[in-house]
Amino acid sequence: MAEKTTVRSVTYDLLRSLGLTTVFGNPGSTEETFLQEFPGDFRYVLALHEAVAIGAASYYAQASGRTGVVNLHVAPGLGNALGMLYNASKAGSPLLLTAGQQDTRLRLRAPLLGHDLVAMAAPLVKWSAQVERADEMAPLLRRALKIAQDPPSGPVFVALPIDVLAQETAVEALQDVDPEKVFLVQLSDFMWQEVRSREDRIETARHFRVFPGEGVHSDAVAAMVRALDEAGYRGDYSFEVFNDDYRALPLAMVARRARRSVKWLTGLVSRRSLPMRRMQG
């Protein structure tokens, strides 16, 4: 059984591995989960207004060349920061802007201070997303940090629901894998966010896999491929797809869908062509 850790610990471990141990912010009660047991090797720079936190992080990023990390408080805090976020965007400052979000289990009850934070930030950042599940945290943050630094650099936004931060997830160990020891990477996806039982998982694996880029986990597949490439993996990829619907379709149609998936995958790692050895299905 995989070792478990909290999403909060995974977040700090990832930031630490990248040397991002300075956090600027103006937190509130929704951010308590993130700030509990704040690591001793991190520094939290408390600002009395959200605009000051964004401005300080922007100048820090410009001066250090590192991504500035900012932690704000739900919708009002993000709203107060939007003016300075506009300036950071125009300055091309690489920022990882986070804000606490209300418990996702309350989303149908219109919780106080709740709002669509992703939509609020989207016009002023390069990329905006919300973590929906524990296992998304590490790949989503890696993607956000990469986008922030990719030319032209700029801010990105990630909403952090309070209940997700408290969840447990399998320890992210991909970064510790020696790419020279990886012979082949097989990829597929499926169309459900969650497969509840062991029997459902077996049924999905045997009959309902789809090509990468066609399923609901495209972001996670993309993050894994990018992480492997950044680690130095230069081996082959294949599609390990078993799908009863594909078997019933004309071969030419399935081949076209496979080709679209190849183009989607090669677009993730644009500096080289990804060889595809075989396709099952």
Protein backbone atom coordinates (compact mmCIF):
# COMPACT_ATOMS: atom_id res chain seq x y z
CA MET A 1 0.00 0.00 0.00
CA ALA A 2 1.32 3.44 -0.94
CA GLU A 3 2.39 5.67 1.88
CA LYS A 4 -0.07 8.49 2.53
CA THR A 5 0.55 12.13 3.30
CA THR A 6 -1.57 15.25 3.51
CA VAL A 7 -2.06 17.53 0.53
CA ARG A 8 -0.58 20.34 2.64
CA SER A 9 2.65 18.35 3.12
CA VAL A 10 2.84 17.52 -0.58
CA THR A 11 2.51 21.23 -1.36
CA TYR A 12 5.31 22.25 0.98
CA ASP A 13 7.57 19.45 -0.25
CA LEU A 14 7.10 20.52 -3.85
CA LEU A 15 7.72 24.20 -3.11
CA ARG A 16 10.78 23.31 -1.03
CA SER A 17 12.23 21.18 -3.83
CA LEU A 18 12.05 24.21 -6.13
CA GLY A 19 13.56 26.61 -3.60
CA LEU A 20 10.26 28.49 -3.17
CA THR A 21 10.24 28.86 0.60
CA THR A 22 9.06 32.49 0.84
CA VAL A 23 5.30 33.05 0.87
CA PHE A 24 3.65 36.48 0.79
CA GLY A 25 0.09 36.79 1.99
CA ASN A 26 -2.88 38.15 3.84
CA PRO A 27 -4.64 35.02 5.11
CA GLY A 28 -7.95 34.34 6.80
CA SER A 29 -9.70 31.42 8.46
CA THR A 30 -10.04 29.50 5.17
CA GLU A 31 -6.25 29.40 4.89
CA GLU A 32 -5.74 27.91 8.36
CA THR A 33 -5.46 24.41 6.90
CA PHE A 34 -2.58 25.56 4.70
CA LEU A 35 -0.84 27.42 7.51
CA GLN A 36 -1.11 24.72 10.19
CA GLU A 37 2.33 23.46 11.22
CA PHE A 38 3.96 25.99 8.90
CA PRO A 39 7.46 24.62 8.12
CA GLY A 40 10.33 26.17 10.04
CA ASP A 41 12.44 26.52 6.91
CA PHE A 42 9.73 28.63 5.21
CA ARG A 43 9.18 32.34 5.65
CA TYR A 44 5.68 33.89 5.62
CA VAL A 45 5.70 37.61 4.81
CA LEU A 46 2.46 38.99 6.26
CA ALA A 47 0.95 42.00 4.48
CA LEU A 48 -1.86 44.18 5.83
CA HIS A 49 -3.53 44.42 2.42
CA GLU A 50 -3.75 41.99 -0.47
CA ALA A 51 -2.41 44.51 -2.99
CA VAL A 52 0.74 44.90 -0.87
CA ALA A 53 1.23 41.12 -0.83
CA ILE A 54 0.95 40.92 -4.63
CA GLY A 55 3.24 43.91 -5.11
CA ALA A 56 5.89 42.54 -2.76
CA ALA A 57 5.79 39.10 -4.40
CA SER A 58 6.02 40.69 -7.85
CA TYR A 59 9.12 42.69 -6.92
CA TYR A 60 10.61 39.59 -5.25
CA ALA A 61 10.08 37.57 -8.43
CA GLN A 62 11.61 40.27 -10.61
CA ALA A 63 14.66 40.63 -8.36
CA SER A 64 15.29 36.95 -7.62
CA GLY A 65 14.24 35.32 -10.89
CA ARG A 66 12.17 32.85 -8.87
CA THR A 67 8.41 32.44 -8.86
CA GLY A 68 6.77 34.51 -6.16
CA VAL A 69 4.23 32.61 -4.04
CA VAL A 70 1.18 34.49 -2.73
CA ASN A 71 -1.53 33.25 -0.35
CA LEU A 72 -4.82 35.22 -0.15
CA HIS A 73 -8.23 34.85 1.51
CA VAL A 74 -11.21 33.64 -0.58
CA ALA A 75 -13.22 35.94 -2.87
CA PRO A 76 -12.89 39.28 -1.03
CA GLY A 77 -9.13 38.85 -0.67
CA LEU A 78 -8.69 37.98 -4.32
CA GLY A 79 -10.94 40.88 -5.29
CA ASN A 80 -8.81 43.31 -3.29
CA ALA A 81 -5.71 42.05 -5.11
CA LEU A 82 -6.93 42.33 -8.71
CA GLY A 83 -5.58 45.84 -9.35
CA MET A 84 -2.04 44.90 -8.35
CA LEU A 85 -2.43 41.55 -10.11
CA TYR A 86 -3.02 43.52 -13.31
CA ASN A 87 0.29 45.33 -12.74
CA ALA A 88 2.12 42.04 -12.07
CA SER A 89 0.69 40.61 -15.29
CA LYS A 90 1.85 43.59 -17.32
CA ALA A 91 5.27 43.39 -15.69
CA GLY A 92 5.58 39.69 -16.62
CA SER A 93 6.19 38.68 -13.01
CA PRO A 94 6.10 34.89 -12.50
CA LEU A 95 3.70 34.44 -9.58
CA LEU A 96 1.89 31.48 -8.09
CA LEU A 97 -1.20 33.11 -6.61
CA THR A 98 -3.32 30.93 -4.34
CA ALA A 99 -6.50 31.65 -2.43
CA GLY A 100 -8.43 29.55 0.01
CA GLN A 101 -11.82 28.34 -1.21
CA GLN A 102 -14.86 27.28 0.76
CA ASP A 103 -15.45 23.60 1.49
CA THR A 104 -16.54 21.99 -1.79
CA ARG A 105 -19.29 20.09 0.04
CA LEU A 106 -21.01 23.45 0.66
CA ARG A 107 -20.93 24.71 -2.92
CA LEU A 108 -24.68 24.21 -3.48
CA ARG A 109 -25.51 26.23 -0.36
CA ALA A 110 -23.93 29.50 -1.53
CA PRO A 111 -21.50 29.72 1.42
CA LEU A 112 -20.54 33.11 2.80
CA LEU A 113 -17.52 34.57 0.95
CA GLY A 114 -17.77 31.82 -1.67
CA HIS A 115 -17.45 32.64 -5.37
CA ASP A 116 -16.03 31.32 -8.63
CA LEU A 117 -12.40 32.24 -7.90
CA VAL A 118 -11.10 30.66 -11.11
CA ALA A 119 -13.32 32.96 -13.19
CA MET A 120 -12.37 36.00 -11.10
CA ALA A 121 -8.65 35.53 -11.69
CA ALA A 122 -8.77 34.25 -15.28
CA PRO A 123 -8.67 37.61 -17.15
CA LEU A 124 -5.44 38.66 -15.43
CA VAL A 125 -3.41 35.43 -15.30
CA LYS A 126 -1.86 32.99 -17.77
CA TRP A 127 -3.72 30.03 -16.28
CA SER A 128 -6.40 29.62 -13.62
CA ALA A 129 -7.59 26.40 -11.96
CA GLN A 130 -9.02 24.89 -8.78
CA VAL A 131 -7.79 21.72 -7.08
CA GLU A 132 -10.74 19.33 -6.94
CA ARG A 133 -9.12 16.17 -5.54
CA ALA A 134 -6.15 15.36 -3.36
CA ASP A 135 -4.25 13.49 -6.08
CA GLU A 136 -4.46 16.51 -8.39
CA MET A 137 -2.45 18.78 -6.11
CA ALA A 138 1.13 17.93 -7.08
CA PRO A 139 0.66 17.67 -10.88
CA LEU A 140 -1.53 20.76 -10.92
CA LEU A 141 1.00 22.83 -8.98
CA ARG A 142 3.83 21.61 -11.21
CA ARG A 143 1.88 22.67 -14.26
CA ALA A 144 1.04 26.05 -12.74
CA LEU A 145 4.66 26.76 -11.79
CA LYS A 146 5.90 25.76 -15.24
CA ILE A 147 3.36 28.00 -16.96
CA ALA A 148 4.31 30.92 -14.70
CA GLN A 149 7.96 30.67 -15.80
CA ASP A 150 7.42 29.79 -19.47
CA PRO A 151 8.06 32.82 -21.71
CA PRO A 152 6.37 35.21 -21.56
CA SER A 153 6.37 34.77 -17.77
CA GLY A 154 3.43 35.90 -15.70
CA PRO A 155 1.03 35.11 -12.84
CA VAL A 156 -1.02 31.93 -12.51
CA PHE A 157 -3.84 31.22 -10.06
CA VAL A 158 -4.82 28.12 -8.07
CA ALA A 159 -7.86 27.94 -5.78
CA LEU A 160 -7.39 25.71 -2.72
CA PRO A 161 -10.63 24.36 -1.19
CA ILE A 162 -10.25 23.97 2.56
CA ASP A 163 -11.48 20.35 2.59
CA VAL A 164 -9.13 19.25 -0.21
CA LEU A 165 -6.10 20.60 1.65
CA ALA A 166 -6.93 18.35 4.58
CA GLN A 167 -7.24 15.20 2.48
CA GLU A 168 -4.59 12.52 2.13
CA THR A 169 -2.91 11.52 -1.11
CA ALA A 170 -0.31 9.04 -2.27
CA VAL A 171 3.21 10.44 -1.96
CA GLU A 172 4.42 11.88 -5.27
CA ALA A 173 7.49 9.83 -6.14
CA LEU A 174 7.79 10.40 -9.88
CA GLN A 175 10.53 12.97 -9.38
CA ASP A 176 12.63 10.31 -7.65
CA VAL A 177 12.48 7.86 -10.56
CA ASP A 178 15.66 7.42 -12.59
CA PRO A 179 14.55 8.00 -16.22
CA GLU A 180 17.34 5.71 -17.44
CA LYS A 181 15.54 2.81 -15.76
CA VAL A 182 12.20 3.45 -17.51
CA PHE A 183 11.90 1.26 -20.62
CA LEU A 184 8.40 2.13 -21.86
CA VAL A 185 5.51 4.37 -20.78
CA GLN A 186 2.00 3.14 -21.62
CA LEU A 187 -0.81 5.69 -21.62
CA SER A 188 -4.60 5.64 -21.62
CA ASP A 189 -7.49 7.52 -19.99
CA PHE A 190 -11.14 6.96 -19.13
CA MET A 191 -14.33 9.00 -19.00
CA TRP A 192 -15.19 8.98 -15.29
CA GLN A 193 -13.80 11.20 -12.57
CA GLU A 194 -14.08 8.41 -10.01
CA VAL A 195 -14.27 4.61 -10.21
CA ARG A 196 -15.67 3.56 -6.86
CA SER A 197 -15.23 -0.19 -6.47
CA ARG A 198 -12.51 -2.71 -7.31
CA GLU A 199 -14.91 -4.41 -9.73
CA ASP A 200 -15.62 -1.10 -11.48
CA ARG A 201 -11.90 -0.46 -11.85
CA ILE A 202 -11.35 -3.87 -13.44
CA GLU A 203 -14.34 -3.38 -15.77
CA THR A 204 -13.10 0.05 -16.83
CA ALA A 205 -9.55 -1.17 -17.44
CA ARG A 206 -10.76 -4.06 -19.60
CA HIS A 207 -13.48 -2.37 -21.63
CA PHE A 208 -13.63 1.43 -21.34
CA ARG A 209 -10.17 2.95 -21.73
CA VAL A 210 -9.87 5.81 -24.21
CA PHE A 211 -6.96 7.46 -25.99
CA PRO A 212 -4.96 10.09 -24.06
CA GLY A 213 -6.51 13.51 -24.60
CA GLU A 214 -10.04 12.09 -24.97
CA GLY A 215 -10.75 11.36 -21.31
CA VAL A 216 -11.47 13.49 -18.25
CA HIS A 217 -7.93 13.16 -16.84
CA SER A 218 -6.09 14.91 -19.68
CA ASP A 219 -4.48 17.43 -17.33
CA ALA A 220 -3.07 14.65 -15.15
CA VAL A 221 -1.77 12.71 -18.16
CA ALA A 222 -0.20 15.89 -19.53
CA ALA A 223 1.43 16.68 -16.19
CA MET A 224 2.92 13.18 -15.98
CA VAL A 225 4.31 13.34 -19.53
CA ARG A 226 5.85 16.76 -18.89
CA ALA A 227 7.31 15.60 -15.57
CA LEU A 228 8.90 12.59 -17.26
CA ASP A 229 10.31 14.75 -20.02
CA GLU A 230 11.73 17.27 -17.57
CA ALA A 231 13.31 14.40 -15.63
CA GLY A 232 15.11 13.34 -18.81
CA TYR A 233 13.02 10.42 -20.07
CA ARG A 234 13.66 9.90 -23.80
CA GLY A 235 12.17 6.44 -24.27
CA ASP A 236 9.09 5.27 -26.10
CA TYR A 237 5.40 5.82 -25.37
CA SER A 238 2.54 3.52 -26.35
CA PHE A 239 -1.24 3.59 -26.05
CA GLU A 240 -2.56 0.73 -23.90
CA VAL A 241 -6.22 1.10 -24.85
CA PHE A 242 -8.96 -1.53 -24.46
CA ASN A 243 -12.36 -0.24 -25.54
CA ASP A 244 -15.38 -2.19 -26.74
CA ASP A 245 -16.74 0.83 -28.61
CA TYR A 246 -13.49 1.23 -30.53
CA ARG A 247 -13.73 -2.41 -31.63
CA ALA A 248 -17.16 -1.72 -33.12
CA LEU A 249 -16.02 1.35 -35.07
CA PRO A 250 -14.44 1.32 -38.55
CA LEU A 251 -10.69 0.82 -38.32
CA ALA A 252 -9.99 4.06 -40.22
CA MET A 253 -12.01 6.06 -37.70
CA VAL A 254 -10.16 4.55 -34.75
CA ALA A 255 -6.85 5.24 -36.51
CA ARG A 256 -7.81 8.90 -36.96
CA ARG A 257 -8.63 9.20 -33.27
CA ALA A 258 -5.32 7.59 -32.39
CA ARG A 259 -3.51 10.04 -34.66
CA ARG A 260 -5.23 12.98 -32.96
CA SER A 261 -4.07 11.60 -29.64
CA VAL A 262 -0.48 11.33 -30.93
CA LYS A 263 -0.61 14.98 -32.03
CA TRP A 264 -2.02 16.01 -28.66
CA LEU A 265 0.74 14.13 -26.86
CA THR A 266 3.58 15.44 -29.02
CA GLY A 267 2.27 18.96 -28.46
CA LEU A 268 2.99 18.56 -24.75
CA VAL A 269 6.72 18.11 -25.42
CA SER A 270 7.28 20.29 -28.45
CA ARG A 271 11.07 20.09 -28.58
CA ARG A 272 11.11 16.48 -29.72
CA SER A 273 8.98 13.88 -31.45
CA LEU A 274 7.54 11.16 -29.21
CA PRO A 275 7.84 7.69 -30.80
CA MET A 276 4.75 5.49 -30.60
CA ARG A 277 5.55 1.79 -30.78
CA ARG A 278 2.19 0.11 -30.80
CA MET A 279 -1.49 0.57 -30.23
CA GLN A 280 -3.91 -1.98 -28.80
CA GLY A 281 -7.63 -1.82 -28.94
